[in-house]
Amino acid sequence: MIAGDANLQADIFQGVKSEVDLQIDLEPNRWLSIREIADMYKRSCDDAIGKMAERRLLSPFGMTRADFLSRQNELSAEFVKDIAHELLNF
């Protein structure tokens, strides 16, 4: 499960741990299934990669992912197309 960028894996692990801790607090007598943990890992991975892409691709323009989505009509079509392509391929 741990391969590649150690910082990314640490971010993913923290996200999963937070979700697991919350579920344990809500239902301390219920065991989480492997499927539930895998889904948590996937969500945490997507979130961590999204934040990394935002830092590398959008923050140089002073934008967040939310800004990019909400301001697409104000931006040039070429810029939107290029950034969208970069985000999808990140």
N, C-alpha and C. Protein backbone atom coordinates (compact mmCIF):
# COMPACT_ATOMS: atom_id res chain seq x y z
N MET A 1 0.82 -1.19 0.00
CA MET A 1 0.00 0.00 0.00
C MET A 1 0.87 1.26 0.00
N ILE A 2 2.09 1.19 0.47
CA ILE A 2 2.94 2.37 0.51
C ILE A 2 3.95 2.26 -0.63
N ALA A 3 3.77 3.11 -1.63
CA ALA A 3 4.70 3.16 -2.75
C ALA A 3 4.66 4.57 -3.32
N GLY A 4 5.75 5.01 -3.89
CA GLY A 4 5.77 6.31 -4.52
C GLY A 4 6.06 7.43 -3.54
N ASP A 5 5.44 8.56 -3.75
CA ASP A 5 5.66 9.78 -2.98
C ASP A 5 5.25 9.58 -1.52
N ALA A 6 6.22 9.64 -0.61
CA ALA A 6 5.94 9.40 0.82
C ALA A 6 5.03 10.47 1.40
N ASN A 7 5.16 11.72 0.96
CA ASN A 7 4.28 12.77 1.46
C ASN A 7 2.85 12.54 1.04
N LEU A 8 2.66 12.12 -0.20
CA LEU A 8 1.32 11.81 -0.68
C LEU A 8 0.73 10.66 0.12
N GLN A 9 1.52 9.62 0.34
CA GLN A 9 1.02 8.48 1.12
C GLN A 9 0.69 8.89 2.55
N ALA A 10 1.47 9.78 3.13
CA ALA A 10 1.19 10.26 4.49
C ALA A 10 -0.13 11.03 4.52
N ASP A 11 -0.37 11.86 3.51
CA ASP A 11 -1.64 12.60 3.43
C ASP A 11 -2.82 11.64 3.29
N ILE A 12 -2.65 10.63 2.45
CA ILE A 12 -3.71 9.64 2.24
C ILE A 12 -3.98 8.90 3.55
N PHE A 13 -2.93 8.47 4.21
CA PHE A 13 -3.08 7.75 5.48
C PHE A 13 -3.82 8.59 6.51
N GLN A 14 -3.46 9.87 6.61
CA GLN A 14 -4.13 10.75 7.58
C GLN A 14 -5.61 10.87 7.27
N GLY A 15 -5.95 10.96 5.99
CA GLY A 15 -7.36 11.03 5.61
C GLY A 15 -8.12 9.76 5.99
N VAL A 16 -7.51 8.61 5.74
CA VAL A 16 -8.14 7.33 6.09
C VAL A 16 -8.27 7.22 7.60
N LYS A 17 -7.22 7.57 8.31
CA LYS A 17 -7.25 7.49 9.78
C LYS A 17 -8.36 8.36 10.36
N SER A 18 -8.51 9.56 9.82
CA SER A 18 -9.57 10.45 10.30
C SER A 18 -10.95 9.83 10.09
N GLU A 19 -11.17 9.24 8.92
CA GLU A 19 -12.46 8.60 8.63
C GLU A 19 -12.68 7.39 9.54
N VAL A 20 -11.65 6.58 9.73
CA VAL A 20 -11.77 5.40 10.59
C VAL A 20 -12.08 5.84 12.01
N ASP A 21 -11.34 6.83 12.51
CA ASP A 21 -11.58 7.32 13.87
C ASP A 21 -13.01 7.82 14.04
N LEU A 22 -13.51 8.54 13.04
CA LEU A 22 -14.88 9.04 13.11
C LEU A 22 -15.89 7.89 13.16
N GLN A 23 -15.69 6.88 12.32
CA GLN A 23 -16.60 5.73 12.31
C GLN A 23 -16.55 4.98 13.64
N ILE A 24 -15.38 4.85 14.21
CA ILE A 24 -15.25 4.17 15.50
C ILE A 24 -15.96 4.98 16.59
N ASP A 25 -15.83 6.30 16.55
CA ASP A 25 -16.53 7.14 17.52
C ASP A 25 -18.04 7.01 17.38
N LEU A 26 -18.53 6.94 16.13
CA LEU A 26 -19.96 6.85 15.89
C LEU A 26 -20.53 5.47 16.24
N GLU A 27 -19.77 4.42 15.91
CA GLU A 27 -20.24 3.05 16.13
C GLU A 27 -19.09 2.20 16.68
N PRO A 28 -18.77 2.35 17.98
CA PRO A 28 -17.59 1.68 18.53
C PRO A 28 -17.66 0.15 18.54
N ASN A 29 -18.83 -0.42 18.43
CA ASN A 29 -18.96 -1.88 18.49
C ASN A 29 -19.06 -2.54 17.12
N ARG A 30 -18.97 -1.75 16.06
CA ARG A 30 -19.09 -2.31 14.72
C ARG A 30 -17.72 -2.36 14.05
N TRP A 31 -17.41 -3.51 13.48
CA TRP A 31 -16.16 -3.67 12.73
C TRP A 31 -16.34 -3.11 11.33
N LEU A 32 -15.34 -2.39 10.86
CA LEU A 32 -15.36 -1.88 9.49
C LEU A 32 -14.93 -2.99 8.54
N SER A 33 -15.59 -3.04 7.40
CA SER A 33 -15.21 -4.05 6.40
C SER A 33 -14.01 -3.58 5.61
N ILE A 34 -13.35 -4.52 4.98
CA ILE A 34 -12.22 -4.18 4.11
C ILE A 34 -12.70 -3.28 2.98
N ARG A 35 -13.90 -3.53 2.48
CA ARG A 35 -14.48 -2.70 1.42
C ARG A 35 -14.63 -1.25 1.88
N GLU A 36 -15.10 -1.06 3.11
CA GLU A 36 -15.26 0.28 3.64
C GLU A 36 -13.91 0.99 3.75
N ILE A 37 -12.91 0.27 4.23
CA ILE A 37 -11.57 0.85 4.35
C ILE A 37 -11.01 1.18 2.97
N ALA A 38 -11.22 0.28 2.01
CA ALA A 38 -10.74 0.52 0.64
C ALA A 38 -11.43 1.75 0.05
N ASP A 39 -12.72 1.91 0.31
CA ASP A 39 -13.44 3.10 -0.18
C ASP A 39 -12.89 4.36 0.48
N MET A 40 -12.59 4.28 1.76
CA MET A 40 -11.99 5.42 2.46
C MET A 40 -10.64 5.77 1.84
N TYR A 41 -9.84 4.75 1.54
CA TYR A 41 -8.53 4.95 0.92
C TYR A 41 -8.70 5.65 -0.43
N LYS A 42 -9.65 5.20 -1.22
CA LYS A 42 -9.89 5.78 -2.54
C LYS A 42 -10.29 7.25 -2.42
N ARG A 43 -11.23 7.55 -1.51
CA ARG A 43 -11.64 8.94 -1.31
C ARG A 43 -10.47 9.80 -0.85
N SER A 44 -9.70 9.29 0.08
CA SER A 44 -8.56 10.04 0.60
C SER A 44 -7.50 10.24 -0.47
N CYS A 45 -7.28 9.23 -1.28
CA CYS A 45 -6.32 9.32 -2.39
C CYS A 45 -6.77 10.38 -3.40
N ASP A 46 -8.03 10.34 -3.78
CA ASP A 46 -8.56 11.32 -4.73
C ASP A 46 -8.43 12.73 -4.18
N ASP A 47 -8.74 12.90 -2.89
CA ASP A 47 -8.65 14.21 -2.26
C ASP A 47 -7.20 14.70 -2.21
N ALA A 48 -6.28 13.83 -1.81
CA ALA A 48 -4.87 14.21 -1.71
C ALA A 48 -4.31 14.58 -3.09
N ILE A 49 -4.63 13.80 -4.10
CA ILE A 49 -4.14 14.09 -5.46
C ILE A 49 -4.76 15.38 -5.98
N GLY A 50 -6.04 15.58 -5.68
CA GLY A 50 -6.71 16.82 -6.09
C GLY A 50 -6.06 18.04 -5.46
N LYS A 51 -5.72 17.95 -4.18
CA LYS A 51 -5.06 19.07 -3.50
C LYS A 51 -3.67 19.31 -4.08
N MET A 52 -2.96 18.23 -4.40
CA MET A 52 -1.63 18.38 -4.99
C MET A 52 -1.72 19.03 -6.37
N ALA A 53 -2.68 18.59 -7.17
CA ALA A 53 -2.87 19.18 -8.50
C ALA A 53 -3.24 20.65 -8.38
N GLU A 54 -4.08 20.97 -7.40
CA GLU A 54 -4.46 22.36 -7.18
C GLU A 54 -3.23 23.20 -6.85
N ARG A 55 -2.38 22.70 -5.95
CA ARG A 55 -1.17 23.45 -5.58
C ARG A 55 -0.25 23.66 -6.78
N ARG A 56 -0.07 22.63 -7.58
CA ARG A 56 0.89 22.72 -8.69
C ARG A 56 0.35 23.44 -9.91
N LEU A 57 -0.94 23.26 -10.20
CA LEU A 57 -1.48 23.78 -11.46
C LEU A 57 -2.31 25.04 -11.33
N LEU A 58 -3.00 25.21 -10.23
CA LEU A 58 -3.91 26.34 -10.10
C LEU A 58 -3.39 27.45 -9.19
N SER A 59 -2.69 27.08 -8.12
CA SER A 59 -2.24 28.11 -7.18
C SER A 59 -1.30 29.14 -7.82
N PRO A 60 -0.49 28.78 -8.83
CA PRO A 60 0.32 29.82 -9.47
C PRO A 60 -0.53 30.93 -10.10
N PHE A 61 -1.80 30.62 -10.38
CA PHE A 61 -2.72 31.62 -10.94
C PHE A 61 -3.62 32.21 -9.86
N GLY A 62 -3.33 31.88 -8.59
CA GLY A 62 -4.13 32.39 -7.48
C GLY A 62 -5.52 31.77 -7.40
N MET A 63 -5.63 30.53 -7.88
CA MET A 63 -6.94 29.88 -7.93
C MET A 63 -6.95 28.57 -7.15
N THR A 64 -8.15 28.22 -6.71
CA THR A 64 -8.40 26.90 -6.13
C THR A 64 -9.21 26.11 -7.13
N ARG A 65 -9.47 24.84 -6.81
CA ARG A 65 -10.33 24.03 -7.70
C ARG A 65 -11.71 24.65 -7.81
N ALA A 66 -12.23 25.13 -6.68
CA ALA A 66 -13.56 25.76 -6.69
C ALA A 66 -13.55 27.02 -7.55
N ASP A 67 -12.49 27.82 -7.44
CA ASP A 67 -12.37 29.02 -8.28
C ASP A 67 -12.36 28.64 -9.75
N PHE A 68 -11.57 27.64 -10.09
CA PHE A 68 -11.47 27.23 -11.50
C PHE A 68 -12.83 26.83 -12.05
N LEU A 69 -13.58 26.06 -11.27
CA LEU A 69 -14.90 25.62 -11.72
C LEU A 69 -15.87 26.79 -11.83
N SER A 70 -15.87 27.66 -10.85
CA SER A 70 -16.85 28.75 -10.86
C SER A 70 -16.51 29.88 -11.83
N ARG A 71 -15.24 30.03 -12.18
CA ARG A 71 -14.81 31.15 -13.02
C ARG A 71 -14.54 30.77 -14.47
N GLN A 72 -14.91 29.58 -14.88
CA GLN A 72 -14.59 29.15 -16.24
C GLN A 72 -15.15 30.08 -17.30
N ASN A 73 -16.32 30.67 -17.06
CA ASN A 73 -16.91 31.57 -18.05
C ASN A 73 -16.11 32.87 -18.20
N GLU A 74 -15.35 33.23 -17.17
CA GLU A 74 -14.56 34.46 -17.20
C GLU A 74 -13.19 34.24 -17.85
N LEU A 75 -12.76 33.01 -17.94
CA LEU A 75 -11.41 32.69 -18.42
C LEU A 75 -11.44 32.36 -19.90
N SER A 76 -10.31 32.48 -20.54
CA SER A 76 -10.25 32.16 -21.97
C SER A 76 -10.50 30.66 -22.17
N ALA A 77 -11.14 30.33 -23.26
CA ALA A 77 -11.46 28.93 -23.55
C ALA A 77 -10.19 28.10 -23.65
N GLU A 78 -9.14 28.66 -24.22
CA GLU A 78 -7.88 27.93 -24.36
C GLU A 78 -7.26 27.63 -22.99
N PHE A 79 -7.28 28.61 -22.09
CA PHE A 79 -6.75 28.42 -20.75
C PHE A 79 -7.53 27.32 -20.02
N VAL A 80 -8.85 27.39 -20.08
CA VAL A 80 -9.70 26.39 -19.42
C VAL A 80 -9.41 25.01 -19.98
N LYS A 81 -9.32 24.91 -21.30
CA LYS A 81 -9.05 23.63 -21.93
C LYS A 81 -7.69 23.08 -21.51
N ASP A 82 -6.68 23.93 -21.51
CA ASP A 82 -5.32 23.49 -21.14
C ASP A 82 -5.25 23.05 -19.68
N ILE A 83 -5.83 23.85 -18.79
CA ILE A 83 -5.78 23.50 -17.36
C ILE A 83 -6.62 22.25 -17.09
N ALA A 84 -7.78 22.16 -17.71
CA ALA A 84 -8.62 20.96 -17.53
C ALA A 84 -7.87 19.71 -17.98
N HIS A 85 -7.17 19.82 -19.09
CA HIS A 85 -6.38 18.70 -19.59
C HIS A 85 -5.28 18.33 -18.59
N GLU A 86 -4.59 19.34 -18.07
CA GLU A 86 -3.52 19.09 -17.09
C GLU A 86 -4.09 18.46 -15.81
N LEU A 87 -5.25 18.96 -15.35
CA LEU A 87 -5.85 18.39 -14.14
C LEU A 87 -6.25 16.94 -14.34
N LEU A 88 -6.83 16.64 -15.49
CA LEU A 88 -7.26 15.26 -15.76
C LEU A 88 -6.09 14.31 -15.88
N ASN A 89 -4.97 14.81 -16.35
CA ASN A 89 -3.81 13.95 -16.56
C ASN A 89 -2.80 14.01 -15.42
N PHE A 90 -3.12 14.71 -14.35
CA PHE A 90 -2.20 14.88 -13.23
C PHE A 90 -1.94 13.55 -12.56
